[in-house]
Amino acid sequence: MDTSIGIHPEEDQVEMSKKTRRTFDAAFKLQVVKMIRDQGLSVGQVCRDMSLVDSAVRRWVAQYEEEQAGGPGVGRPLTPEQQRIRQLEAELRQAKSDNELLKKVSAFFARELK
């Protein structure tokens, strides 16, 4: 490999590994989506102004639109309503699982008592 022009692949790999993935909470994502939908700003403009990645913002907009249509969307919920729905669904799954376990345990003890 020709290193005379200043290209060092090892250095590029080190630089890339130093980049950390940014995370955003649901409130921030919702704020960005509302800027686009309510204020009529373009995705590109918002991305440039806020130093965000275009594909991520487009996913947030799609998530919001899916949630507004009554669907669960993909990824973490953005709206408080969808967050609550997901929480309640998780609690319901846990309650059903607990109920099934209790049925099995009571059937076991009923057989033991006979």
PDB file of N, CA and C in Angstrom:
ATOM      1  N   MET A   1       0.846  -1.183   0.000  1.00  0.00           N
ATOM      2  CA  MET A   1       0.000   0.000   0.000  1.00  0.00           C
ATOM      3  C   MET A   1       0.882   1.232   0.000  1.00  0.00           C
ATOM      4  N   ASP A   2       0.495   2.223  -0.756  1.00  0.00           N
ATOM      5  CA  ASP A   2       1.263   3.451  -0.872  1.00  0.00           C
ATOM      6  C   ASP A   2       0.887   4.389   0.266  1.00  0.00           C
ATOM      7  N   THR A   3       1.820   4.601   1.169  1.00  0.00           N
ATOM      8  CA  THR A   3       1.559   5.510   2.295  1.00  0.00           C
ATOM      9  C   THR A   3       2.184   6.873   2.067  1.00  0.00           C
ATOM     10  N   SER A   4       2.751   7.081   0.875  1.00  0.00           N
ATOM     11  CA  SER A   4       3.420   8.354   0.623  1.00  0.00           C
ATOM     12  C   SER A   4       2.448   9.520   0.474  1.00  0.00           C
ATOM     13  N   ILE A   5       1.169   9.243   0.201  1.00  0.00           N
ATOM     14  CA  ILE A   5       0.215  10.339   0.038  1.00  0.00           C
ATOM     15  C   ILE A   5      -0.547  10.636   1.324  1.00  0.00           C
ATOM     16  N   GLY A   6      -0.130   9.991   2.414  1.00  0.00           N
ATOM     17  CA  GLY A   6      -0.718  10.326   3.703  1.00  0.00           C
ATOM     18  C   GLY A   6      -1.963   9.537   4.060  1.00  0.00           C
ATOM     19  N   ILE A   7      -2.234   8.454   3.350  1.00  0.00           N
ATOM     20  CA  ILE A   7      -3.407   7.644   3.679  1.00  0.00           C
ATOM     21  C   ILE A   7      -2.956   6.508   4.574  1.00  0.00           C
ATOM     22  N   HIS A   8      -3.508   6.451   5.738  1.00  0.00           N
ATOM     23  CA  HIS A   8      -3.180   5.400   6.704  1.00  0.00           C
ATOM     24  C   HIS A   8      -4.483   4.743   7.145  1.00  0.00           C
ATOM     25  N   PRO A   9      -4.832   3.592   6.567  1.00  0.00           N
ATOM     26  CA  PRO A   9      -6.100   2.943   6.907  1.00  0.00           C
ATOM     27  C   PRO A   9      -6.259   2.676   8.397  1.00  0.00           C
ATOM     28  N   GLU A  10      -5.151   2.355   9.059  1.00  0.00           N
ATOM     29  CA  GLU A  10      -5.238   2.081  10.491  1.00  0.00           C
ATOM     30  C   GLU A  10      -5.730   3.309  11.256  1.00  0.00           C
ATOM     31  N   GLU A  11      -5.284   4.479  10.843  1.00  0.00           N
ATOM     32  CA  GLU A  11      -5.718   5.706  11.507  1.00  0.00           C
ATOM     33  C   GLU A  11      -7.198   5.950  11.267  1.00  0.00           C
ATOM     34  N   ASP A  12      -7.675   5.680  10.047  1.00  0.00           N
ATOM     35  CA  ASP A  12      -9.091   5.872   9.753  1.00  0.00           C
ATOM     36  C   ASP A  12      -9.952   4.958  10.612  1.00  0.00           C
ATOM     37  N   GLN A  13      -9.495   3.729  10.798  1.00  0.00           N
ATOM     38  CA  GLN A  13     -10.258   2.796  11.616  1.00  0.00           C
ATOM     39  C   GLN A  13     -10.301   3.253  13.061  1.00  0.00           C
ATOM     40  N   VAL A  14      -9.202   3.791  13.558  1.00  0.00           N
ATOM     41  CA  VAL A  14      -9.165   4.287  14.933  1.00  0.00           C
ATOM     42  C   VAL A  14     -10.131   5.447  15.079  1.00  0.00           C
ATOM     43  N   GLU A  15     -10.120   6.355  14.111  1.00  0.00           N
ATOM     44  CA  GLU A  15     -11.018   7.504  14.165  1.00  0.00           C
ATOM     45  C   GLU A  15     -12.474   7.039  14.178  1.00  0.00           C
ATOM     46  N   MET A  16     -12.803   6.071  13.342  1.00  0.00           N
ATOM     47  CA  MET A  16     -14.190   5.606  13.278  1.00  0.00           C
ATOM     48  C   MET A  16     -14.611   4.949  14.582  1.00  0.00           C
ATOM     49  N   SER A  17     -13.684   4.244  15.246  1.00  0.00           N
ATOM     50  CA  SER A  17     -14.048   3.575  16.475  1.00  0.00           C
ATOM     51  C   SER A  17     -14.246   4.566  17.621  1.00  0.00           C
ATOM     52  N   LYS A  18     -13.694   5.782  17.495  1.00  0.00           N
ATOM     53  CA  LYS A  18     -13.864   6.794  18.538  1.00  0.00           C
ATOM     54  C   LYS A  18     -15.247   7.432  18.491  1.00  0.00           C
ATOM     55  N   LYS A  19     -15.913   7.344  17.340  1.00  0.00           N
ATOM     56  CA  LYS A  19     -17.239   7.948  17.230  1.00  0.00           C
ATOM     57  C   LYS A  19     -18.210   7.177  18.103  1.00  0.00           C
ATOM     58  N   THR A  20     -18.979   7.904  18.859  1.00  0.00           N
ATOM     59  CA  THR A  20     -19.971   7.258  19.698  1.00  0.00           C
ATOM     60  C   THR A  20     -21.352   7.481  19.101  1.00  0.00           C
ATOM     61  N   ARG A  21     -22.184   6.517  19.286  1.00  0.00           N
ATOM     62  CA  ARG A  21     -23.543   6.608  18.781  1.00  0.00           C
ATOM     63  C   ARG A  21     -24.347   7.494  19.723  1.00  0.00           C
ATOM     64  N   ARG A  22     -24.957   8.509  19.145  1.00  0.00           N
ATOM     65  CA  ARG A  22     -25.767   9.406  19.962  1.00  0.00           C
ATOM     66  C   ARG A  22     -27.141   8.783  20.170  1.00  0.00           C
ATOM     67  N   THR A  23     -27.693   8.997  21.327  1.00  0.00           N
ATOM     68  CA  THR A  23     -29.048   8.532  21.605  1.00  0.00           C
ATOM     69  C   THR A  23     -29.907   9.730  21.977  1.00  0.00           C
ATOM     70  N   PHE A  24     -31.168   9.624  21.635  1.00  0.00           N
ATOM     71  CA  PHE A  24     -32.111  10.707  21.895  1.00  0.00           C
ATOM     72  C   PHE A  24     -33.331  10.139  22.580  1.00  0.00           C
ATOM     73  N   ASP A  25     -33.851  10.867  23.542  1.00  0.00           N
ATOM     74  CA  ASP A  25     -35.052  10.388  24.218  1.00  0.00           C
ATOM     75  C   ASP A  25     -36.284  10.674  23.362  1.00  0.00           C
ATOM     76  N   ALA A  26     -37.391  10.051  23.744  1.00  0.00           N
ATOM     77  CA  ALA A  26     -38.626  10.157  22.970  1.00  0.00           C
ATOM     78  C   ALA A  26     -39.110  11.602  22.873  1.00  0.00           C
ATOM     79  N   ALA A  27     -38.932  12.379  23.931  1.00  0.00           N
ATOM     80  CA  ALA A  27     -39.390  13.774  23.919  1.00  0.00           C
ATOM     81  C   ALA A  27     -38.650  14.582  22.856  1.00  0.00           C
ATOM     82  N   PHE A  28     -37.352  14.366  22.725  1.00  0.00           N
ATOM     83  CA  PHE A  28     -36.566  15.079  21.721  1.00  0.00           C
ATOM     84  C   PHE A  28     -37.012  14.669  20.319  1.00  0.00           C
ATOM     85  N   LYS A  29     -37.166  13.365  20.105  1.00  0.00           N
ATOM     86  CA  LYS A  29     -37.593  12.871  18.796  1.00  0.00           C
ATOM     87  C   LYS A  29     -38.953  13.457  18.425  1.00  0.00           C
ATOM     88  N   LEU A  30     -39.860  13.481  19.390  1.00  0.00           N
ATOM     89  CA  LEU A  30     -41.191  14.026  19.142  1.00  0.00           C
ATOM     90  C   LEU A  30     -41.111  15.511  18.801  1.00  0.00           C
ATOM     91  N   GLN A  31     -40.241  16.235  19.469  1.00  0.00           N
ATOM     92  CA  GLN A  31     -40.055  17.661  19.187  1.00  0.00           C
ATOM     93  C   GLN A  31     -39.558  17.863  17.753  1.00  0.00           C
ATOM     94  N   VAL A  32     -38.608  17.043  17.318  1.00  0.00           N
ATOM     95  CA  VAL A  32     -38.080  17.142  15.957  1.00  0.00           C
ATOM     96  C   VAL A  32     -39.180  16.845  14.949  1.00  0.00           C
ATOM     97  N   VAL A  33     -39.955  15.793  15.199  1.00  0.00           N
ATOM     98  CA  VAL A  33     -41.042  15.417  14.281  1.00  0.00           C
ATOM     99  C   VAL A  33     -42.065  16.542  14.193  1.00  0.00           C
ATOM    100  N   LYS A  34     -42.400  17.134  15.313  1.00  0.00           N
ATOM    101  CA  LYS A  34     -43.388  18.214  15.303  1.00  0.00           C
ATOM    102  C   LYS A  34     -42.868  19.444  14.561  1.00  0.00           C
ATOM    103  N   MET A  35     -41.553  19.686  14.615  1.00  0.00           N
ATOM    104  CA  MET A  35     -40.985  20.798  13.846  1.00  0.00           C
ATOM    105  C   MET A  35     -41.228  20.566  12.354  1.00  0.00           C
ATOM    106  N   ILE A  36     -41.078  19.338  11.939  1.00  0.00           N
ATOM    107  CA  ILE A  36     -41.250  19.011  10.522  1.00  0.00           C
ATOM    108  C   ILE A  36     -42.721  19.050  10.140  1.00  0.00           C
ATOM    109  N   ARG A  37     -43.558  18.430  10.940  1.00  0.00           N
ATOM    110  CA  ARG A  37     -44.977  18.307  10.583  1.00  0.00           C
ATOM    111  C   ARG A  37     -45.761  19.588  10.844  1.00  0.00           C
ATOM    112  N   ASP A  38     -45.559  20.204  11.985  1.00  0.00           N
ATOM    113  CA  ASP A  38     -46.374  21.360  12.368  1.00  0.00           C
ATOM    114  C   ASP A  38     -45.848  22.678  11.813  1.00  0.00           C
ATOM    115  N   GLN A  39     -44.529  22.806  11.735  1.00  0.00           N
ATOM    116  CA  GLN A  39     -43.942  24.059  11.271  1.00  0.00           C
ATOM    117  C   GLN A  39     -43.609  24.035   9.788  1.00  0.00           C
ATOM    118  N   GLY A  40     -43.775  22.876   9.162  1.00  0.00           N
ATOM    119  CA  GLY A  40     -43.547  22.779   7.730  1.00  0.00           C
ATOM    120  C   GLY A  40     -42.085  22.828   7.308  1.00  0.00           C
ATOM    121  N   LEU A  41     -41.188  22.563   8.239  1.00  0.00           N
ATOM    122  CA  LEU A  41     -39.771  22.540   7.895  1.00  0.00           C
ATOM    123  C   LEU A  41     -39.441  21.238   7.171  1.00  0.00           C
ATOM    124  N   SER A  42     -38.437  21.283   6.319  1.00  0.00           N
ATOM    125  CA  SER A  42     -38.046  20.066   5.606  1.00  0.00           C
ATOM    126  C   SER A  42     -37.152  19.208   6.504  1.00  0.00           C
ATOM    127  N   VAL A  43     -37.131  17.911   6.216  1.00  0.00           N
ATOM    128  CA  VAL A  43     -36.282  16.996   6.973  1.00  0.00           C
ATOM    129  C   VAL A  43     -34.823  17.423   6.831  1.00  0.00           C
ATOM    130  N   GLY A  44     -34.415  17.734   5.616  1.00  0.00           N
ATOM    131  CA  GLY A  44     -33.032  18.148   5.379  1.00  0.00           C
ATOM    132  C   GLY A  44     -32.644  19.382   6.163  1.00  0.00           C
ATOM    133  N   GLN A  45     -33.546  20.353   6.202  1.00  0.00           N
ATOM    134  CA  GLN A  45     -33.263  21.594   6.919  1.00  0.00           C
ATOM    135  C   GLN A  45     -33.114  21.333   8.415  1.00  0.00           C
ATOM    136  N   VAL A  46     -34.019  20.547   8.978  1.00  0.00           N
ATOM    137  CA  VAL A  46     -33.956  20.231  10.404  1.00  0.00           C
ATOM    138  C   VAL A  46     -32.675  19.462  10.713  1.00  0.00           C
ATOM    139  N   CYS A  47     -32.325  18.531   9.828  1.00  0.00           N
ATOM    140  CA  CYS A  47     -31.103  17.747  10.033  1.00  0.00           C
ATOM    141  C   CYS A  47     -29.865  18.643  10.035  1.00  0.00           C
ATOM    142  N   ARG A  48     -29.806  19.554   9.091  1.00  0.00           N
ATOM    143  CA  ARG A  48     -28.660  20.464   9.041  1.00  0.00           C
ATOM    144  C   ARG A  48     -28.618  21.363  10.275  1.00  0.00           C
ATOM    145  N   ASP A  49     -29.751  21.926  10.641  1.00  0.00           N
ATOM    146  CA  ASP A  49     -29.802  22.860  11.766  1.00  0.00           C
ATOM    147  C   ASP A  49     -29.459  22.187  13.096  1.00  0.00           C
ATOM    148  N   MET A  50     -29.833  20.914  13.226  1.00  0.00           N
ATOM    149  CA  MET A  50     -29.662  20.227  14.508  1.00  0.00           C
ATOM    150  C   MET A  50     -28.570  19.160  14.475  1.00  0.00           C
ATOM    151  N   SER A  51     -27.831  19.104  13.382  1.00  0.00           N
ATOM    152  CA  SER A  51     -26.749  18.126  13.217  1.00  0.00           C
ATOM    153  C   SER A  51     -27.244  16.693  13.441  1.00  0.00           C
ATOM    154  N   LEU A  52     -28.310  16.363  12.747  1.00  0.00           N
ATOM    155  CA  LEU A  52     -28.891  15.024  12.848  1.00  0.00           C
ATOM    156  C   LEU A  52     -28.720  14.283  11.532  1.00  0.00           C
ATOM    157  N   VAL A  53     -28.840  12.978  11.588  1.00  0.00           N
ATOM    158  CA  VAL A  53     -28.735  12.143  10.403  1.00  0.00           C
ATOM    159  C   VAL A  53     -30.111  12.031   9.759  1.00  0.00           C
ATOM    160  N   ASP A  54     -30.148  12.248   8.468  1.00  0.00           N
ATOM    161  CA  ASP A  54     -31.386  12.250   7.699  1.00  0.00           C
ATOM    162  C   ASP A  54     -32.187  10.965   7.885  1.00  0.00           C
ATOM    163  N   SER A  55     -31.529   9.817   7.801  1.00  0.00           N
ATOM    164  CA  SER A  55     -32.250   8.542   7.878  1.00  0.00           C
ATOM    165  C   SER A  55     -32.912   8.357   9.248  1.00  0.00           C
ATOM    166  N   ALA A  56     -32.260   8.799  10.297  1.00  0.00           N
ATOM    167  CA  ALA A  56     -32.842   8.670  11.636  1.00  0.00           C
ATOM    168  C   ALA A  56     -34.093   9.527  11.765  1.00  0.00           C
ATOM    169  N   VAL A  57     -34.023  10.755  11.286  1.00  0.00           N
ATOM    170  CA  VAL A  57     -35.173  11.661  11.387  1.00  0.00           C
ATOM    171  C   VAL A  57     -36.336  11.125  10.557  1.00  0.00           C
ATOM    172  N   ARG A  58     -36.044  10.598   9.390  1.00  0.00           N
ATOM    173  CA  ARG A  58     -37.110  10.018   8.572  1.00  0.00           C
ATOM    174  C   ARG A  58     -37.758   8.821   9.269  1.00  0.00           C
ATOM    175  N   ARG A  59     -36.968   8.032   9.998  1.00  0.00           N
ATOM    176  CA  ARG A  59     -37.534   6.915  10.781  1.00  0.00           C
ATOM    177  C   ARG A  59     -38.438   7.449  11.883  1.00  0.00           C
ATOM    178  N   TRP A  60     -38.024   8.539  12.531  1.00  0.00           N
ATOM    179  CA  TRP A  60     -38.837   9.122  13.597  1.00  0.00           C
ATOM    180  C   TRP A  60     -40.172   9.610  13.046  1.00  0.00           C
ATOM    181  N   VAL A  61     -40.137  10.239  11.874  1.00  0.00           N
ATOM    182  CA  VAL A  61     -41.367  10.736  11.251  1.00  0.00           C
ATOM    183  C   VAL A  61     -42.277   9.561  10.901  1.00  0.00           C
ATOM    184  N   ALA A  62     -41.702   8.502  10.332  1.00  0.00           N
ATOM    185  CA  ALA A  62     -42.490   7.316   9.977  1.00  0.00           C
ATOM    186  C   ALA A  62     -43.084   6.672  11.228  1.00  0.00           C
ATOM    187  N   GLN A  63     -42.305   6.609  12.303  1.00  0.00           N
ATOM    188  CA  GLN A  63     -42.770   6.056  13.575  1.00  0.00           C
ATOM    189  C   GLN A  63     -43.966   6.871  14.079  1.00  0.00           C
ATOM    190  N   TYR A  64     -43.837   8.171  14.058  1.00  0.00           N
ATOM    191  CA  TYR A  64     -44.904   9.057  14.530  1.00  0.00           C
ATOM    192  C   TYR A  64     -46.171   8.865  13.702  1.00  0.00           C
ATOM    193  N   GLU A  65     -46.016   8.818  12.389  1.00  0.00           N
ATOM    194  CA  GLU A  65     -47.178   8.648  11.514  1.00  0.00           C
ATOM    195  C   GLU A  65     -47.863   7.311  11.757  1.00  0.00           C
ATOM    196  N   GLU A  66     -47.084   6.276  11.975  1.00  0.00           N
ATOM    197  CA  GLU A  66     -47.650   4.952  12.270  1.00  0.00           C
ATOM    198  C   GLU A  66     -48.412   4.982  13.597  1.00  0.00           C
ATOM    199  N   GLU A  67     -47.841   5.634  14.588  1.00  0.00           N
ATOM    200  CA  GLU A  67     -48.505   5.738  15.889  1.00  0.00           C
ATOM    201  C   GLU A  67     -49.796   6.542  15.786  1.00  0.00           C
ATOM    202  N   GLN A  68     -49.779   7.605  14.993  1.00  0.00           N
ATOM    203  CA  GLN A  68     -50.976   8.422  14.829  1.00  0.00           C
ATOM    204  C   GLN A  68     -52.082   7.659  14.105  1.00  0.00           C
ATOM    205  N   ALA A  69     -51.688   6.699  13.276  1.00  0.00           N
ATOM    206  CA  ALA A  69     -52.664   5.882  12.547  1.00  0.00           C
ATOM    207  C   ALA A  69     -53.190   4.742  13.422  1.00  0.00           C
ATOM    208  N   GLY A  70     -52.694   4.648  14.642  1.00  0.00           N
ATOM    209  CA  GLY A  70     -53.181   3.631  15.558  1.00  0.00           C
ATOM    210  C   GLY A  70     -52.334   2.381  15.611  1.00  0.00           C
ATOM    211  N   GLY A  71     -51.277   2.344  14.832  1.00  0.00           N
ATOM    212  CA  GLY A  71     -50.390   1.188  14.831  1.00  0.00           C
ATOM    213  C   GLY A  71     -49.314   1.305  15.892  1.00  0.00           C
ATOM    214  N   PRO A  72     -48.620   0.209  16.143  1.00  0.00           N
ATOM    215  CA  PRO A  72     -47.570   0.241  17.157  1.00  0.00           C
ATOM    216  C   PRO A  72     -46.297   0.908  16.675  1.00  0.00           C
ATOM    217  N   GLY A  73     -46.110   0.980  15.359  1.00  0.00           N
ATOM    218  CA  GLY A  73     -44.879   1.556  14.843  1.00  0.00           C
ATOM    219  C   GLY A  73     -43.715   0.605  15.055  1.00  0.00           C
ATOM    220  N   VAL A  74     -42.558   1.024  14.604  1.00  0.00           N
ATOM    221  CA  VAL A  74     -41.350   0.226  14.734  1.00  0.00           C
ATOM    222  C   VAL A  74     -40.402   0.975  15.656  1.00  0.00           C
ATOM    223  N   GLY A  75     -39.797   0.282  16.580  1.00  0.00           N
ATOM    224  CA  GLY A  75     -38.877   0.944  17.493  1.00  0.00           C
ATOM    225  C   GLY A  75     -39.583   1.431  18.740  1.00  0.00           C
ATOM    226  N   ARG A  76     -38.880   2.244  19.481  1.00  0.00           N
ATOM    227  CA  ARG A  76     -39.447   2.775  20.721  1.00  0.00           C
ATOM    228  C   ARG A  76     -40.549   3.769  20.401  1.00  0.00           C
ATOM    229  N   PRO A  77     -41.628   3.733  21.173  1.00  0.00           N
ATOM    230  CA  PRO A  77     -42.734   4.666  20.913  1.00  0.00           C
ATOM    231  C   PRO A  77     -42.336   6.109  21.188  1.00  0.00           C
ATOM    232  N   LEU A  78     -42.912   7.015  20.395  1.00  0.00           N
ATOM    233  CA  LEU A  78     -42.612   8.438  20.542  1.00  0.00           C
ATOM    234  C   LEU A  78     -43.649   9.158  21.388  1.00  0.00           C
ATOM    235  N   THR A  79     -44.908   8.852  21.155  1.00  0.00           N
ATOM    236  CA  THR A  79     -45.967   9.591  21.843  1.00  0.00           C
ATOM    237  C   THR A  79     -46.228   8.988  23.225  1.00  0.00           C
ATOM    238  N   PRO A  80     -46.636   9.811  24.164  1.00  0.00           N
ATOM    239  CA  PRO A  80     -46.947   9.293  25.500  1.00  0.00           C
ATOM    240  C   PRO A  80     -48.028   8.213  25.463  1.00  0.00           C
ATOM    241  N   GLU A  81     -48.978   8.355  24.557  1.00  0.00           N
ATOM    242  CA  GLU A  81     -50.047   7.361  24.457  1.00  0.00           C
ATOM    243  C   GLU A  81     -49.484   5.998  24.074  1.00  0.00           C
ATOM    244  N   GLN A  82     -48.599   5.979  23.065  1.00  0.00           N
ATOM    245  CA  GLN A  82     -48.007   4.714  22.636  1.00  0.00           C
ATOM    246  C   GLN A  82     -47.076   4.152  23.711  1.00  0.00           C
ATOM    247  N   GLN A  83     -46.404   5.019  24.444  1.00  0.00           N
ATOM    248  CA  GLN A  83     -45.552   4.544  25.535  1.00  0.00           C
ATOM    249  C   GLN A  83     -46.406   3.837  26.584  1.00  0.00           C
ATOM    250  N   ARG A  84     -47.553   4.435  26.903  1.00  0.00           N
ATOM    251  CA  ARG A  84     -48.454   3.835  27.896  1.00  0.00           C
ATOM    252  C   ARG A  84     -49.050   2.528  27.383  1.00  0.00           C
ATOM    253  N   ILE A  85     -49.415   2.500  26.114  1.00  0.00           N
ATOM    254  CA  ILE A  85     -49.959   1.272  25.525  1.00  0.00           C
ATOM    255  C   ILE A  85     -48.933   0.153  25.615  1.00  0.00           C
ATOM    256  N   ARG A  86     -47.696   0.450  25.266  1.00  0.00           N
ATOM    257  CA  ARG A  86     -46.651  -0.579  25.325  1.00  0.00           C
ATOM    258  C   ARG A  86     -46.431  -1.061  26.758  1.00  0.00           C
ATOM    259  N   GLN A  87     -46.483  -0.129  27.701  1.00  0.00           N
ATOM    260  CA  GLN A  87     -46.318  -0.504  29.106  1.00  0.00           C
ATOM    261  C   GLN A  87     -47.456  -1.418  29.542  1.00  0.00           C
ATOM    262  N   LEU A  88     -48.679  -1.063  29.192  1.00  0.00           N
ATOM    263  CA  LEU A  88     -49.832  -1.874  29.566  1.00  0.00           C
ATOM    264  C   LEU A  88     -49.807  -3.239  28.888  1.00  0.00           C
ATOM    265  N   GLU A  89     -49.351  -3.284  27.639  1.00  0.00           N
ATOM    266  CA  GLU A  89     -49.236  -4.569  26.947  1.00  0.00           C
ATOM    267  C   GLU A  89     -48.221  -5.471  27.636  1.00  0.00           C
ATOM    268  N   ALA A  90     -47.115  -4.894  28.087  1.00  0.00           N
ATOM    269  CA  ALA A  90     -46.104  -5.675  28.804  1.00  0.00           C
ATOM    270  C   ALA A  90     -46.661  -6.189  30.128  1.00  0.00           C
ATOM    271  N   GLU A  91     -47.397  -5.341  30.836  1.00  0.00           N
ATOM    272  CA  GLU A  91     -48.009  -5.765  32.096  1.00  0.00           C
ATOM    273  C   GLU A  91     -49.027  -6.875  31.857  1.00  0.00           C
ATOM    274  N   LEU A  92     -49.801  -6.772  30.769  1.00  0.00           N
ATOM    275  CA  LEU A  92     -50.785  -7.799  30.451  1.00  0.00           C
ATOM    276  C   LEU A  92     -50.103  -9.130  30.134  1.00  0.00           C
ATOM    277  N   ARG A  93     -49.017  -9.083  29.352  1.00  0.00           N
ATOM    278  CA  ARG A  93     -48.274 -10.320  29.052  1.00  0.00           C
ATOM    279  C   ARG A  93     -47.768 -10.963  30.333  1.00  0.00           C
ATOM    280  N   GLN A  94     -47.248 -10.155  31.254  1.00  0.00           N
ATOM    281  CA  GLN A  94     -46.741 -10.680  32.520  1.00  0.00           C
ATOM    282  C   GLN A  94     -47.871 -11.283  33.349  1.00  0.00           C
ATOM    283  N   ALA A  95     -49.014 -10.622  33.393  1.00  0.00           N
ATOM    284  CA  ALA A  95     -50.147 -11.135  34.160  1.00  0.00           C
ATOM    285  C   ALA A  95     -50.644 -12.457  33.580  1.00  0.00           C
ATOM    286  N   LYS A  96     -50.698 -12.566  32.255  1.00  0.00           N
ATOM    287  CA  LYS A  96     -51.116 -13.822  31.617  1.00  0.00           C
ATOM    288  C   LYS A  96     -50.134 -14.943  31.933  1.00  0.00           C
ATOM    289  N   SER A  97     -48.851 -14.620  31.902  1.00  0.00           N
ATOM    290  CA  SER A  97     -47.827 -15.610  32.222  1.00  0.00           C
ATOM    291  C   SER A  97     -47.949 -16.067  33.669  1.00  0.00           C
ATOM    292  N   ASP A  98     -48.141 -15.111  34.577  1.00  0.00           N
ATOM    293  CA  ASP A  98     -48.316 -15.442  35.991  1.00  0.00           C
ATOM    294  C   ASP A  98     -49.554 -16.303  36.193  1.00  0.00           C
ATOM    295  N   ASN A  99     -50.633 -15.973  35.497  1.00  0.00           N
ATOM    296  CA  ASN A  99     -51.882 -16.721  35.611  1.00  0.00           C
ATOM    297  C   ASN A  99     -51.698 -18.167  35.149  1.00  0.00           C
ATOM    298  N   GLU A 100     -51.005 -18.368  34.042  1.00  0.00           N
ATOM    299  CA  GLU A 100     -50.747 -19.724  33.540  1.00  0.00           C
ATOM    300  C   GLU A 100     -49.929 -20.522  34.549  1.00  0.00           C
ATOM    301  N   LEU A 101     -48.932 -19.881  35.150  1.00  0.00           N
ATOM    302  CA  LEU A 101     -48.117 -20.553  36.154  1.00  0.00           C
ATOM    303  C   LEU A 101     -48.970 -20.945  37.360  1.00  0.00           C
ATOM    304  N   LEU A 102     -49.817 -20.052  37.805  1.00  0.00           N
ATOM    305  CA  LEU A 102     -50.689 -20.355  38.951  1.00  0.00           C
ATOM    306  C   LEU A 102     -51.643 -21.505  38.644  1.00  0.00           C
ATOM    307  N   LYS A 103     -52.159 -21.564  37.431  1.00  0.00           N
ATOM    308  CA  LYS A 103     -53.027 -22.683  37.038  1.00  0.00           C
ATOM    309  C   LYS A 103     -52.279 -24.003  37.131  1.00  0.00           C
ATOM    310  N   LYS A 104     -51.047 -24.033  36.637  1.00  0.00           N
ATOM    311  CA  LYS A 104     -50.248 -25.260  36.666  1.00  0.00           C
ATOM    312  C   LYS A 104     -49.913 -25.671  38.093  1.00  0.00           C
ATOM    313  N   VAL A 105     -49.550 -24.690  38.923  1.00  0.00           N
ATOM    314  CA  VAL A 105     -49.213 -24.984  40.310  1.00  0.00           C
ATOM    315  C   VAL A 105     -50.439 -25.483  41.063  1.00  0.00           C
ATOM    316  N   SER A 106     -51.596 -24.861  40.856  1.00  0.00           N
ATOM    317  CA  SER A 106     -52.794 -25.309  41.574  1.00  0.00           C
ATOM    318  C   SER A 106     -53.226 -26.691  41.108  1.00  0.00           C
ATOM    319  N   ALA A 107     -53.065 -27.000  39.820  1.00  0.00           N
ATOM    320  CA  ALA A 107     -53.384 -28.338  39.320  1.00  0.00           C
ATOM    321  C   ALA A 107     -52.434 -29.359  39.949  1.00  0.00           C
ATOM    322  N   PHE A 108     -51.167 -29.028  40.090  1.00  0.00           N
ATOM    323  CA  PHE A 108     -50.195 -29.915  40.694  1.00  0.00           C
ATOM    324  C   PHE A 108     -50.570 -30.227  42.145  1.00  0.00           C
ATOM    325  N   PHE A 109     -50.876 -29.169  42.912  1.00  0.00           N
ATOM    326  CA  PHE A 109     -51.219 -29.378  44.320  1.00  0.00           C
ATOM    327  C   PHE A 109     -52.565 -30.078  44.467  1.00  0.00           C
ATOM    328  N   ALA A 110     -53.497 -29.866  43.547  1.00  0.00           N
ATOM    329  CA  ALA A 110     -54.772 -30.553  43.605  1.00  0.00           C
ATOM    330  C   ALA A 110     -54.549 -32.060  43.440  1.00  0.00           C
ATOM    331  N   ARG A 111     -53.648 -32.454  42.560  1.00  0.00           N
ATOM    332  CA  ARG A 111     -53.341 -33.884  42.372  1.00  0.00           C
ATOM    333  C   ARG A 111     -52.651 -34.454  43.605  1.00  0.00           C
ATOM    334  N   GLU A 112     -51.779 -33.672  44.233  1.00  0.00           N
ATOM    335  CA  GLU A 112     -51.053 -34.131  45.414  1.00  0.00           C
ATOM    336  C   GLU A 112     -51.971 -34.344  46.597  1.00  0.00           C
ATOM    337  N   LEU A 113     -53.034 -33.578  46.720  1.00  0.00           N
ATOM    338  CA  LEU A 113     -53.946 -33.673  47.856  1.00  0.00           C
ATOM    339  C   LEU A 113     -54.871 -34.880  47.753  1.00  0.00           C
ATOM    340  N   LYS A 114     -55.050 -35.452  46.579  1.00  0.00           N
ATOM    341  CA  LYS A 114     -55.966 -36.591  46.412  1.00  0.00           C
ATOM    342  C   LYS A 114     -55.384 -37.860  46.899  1.00  0.00           C
TER     343      LYS A 114
END
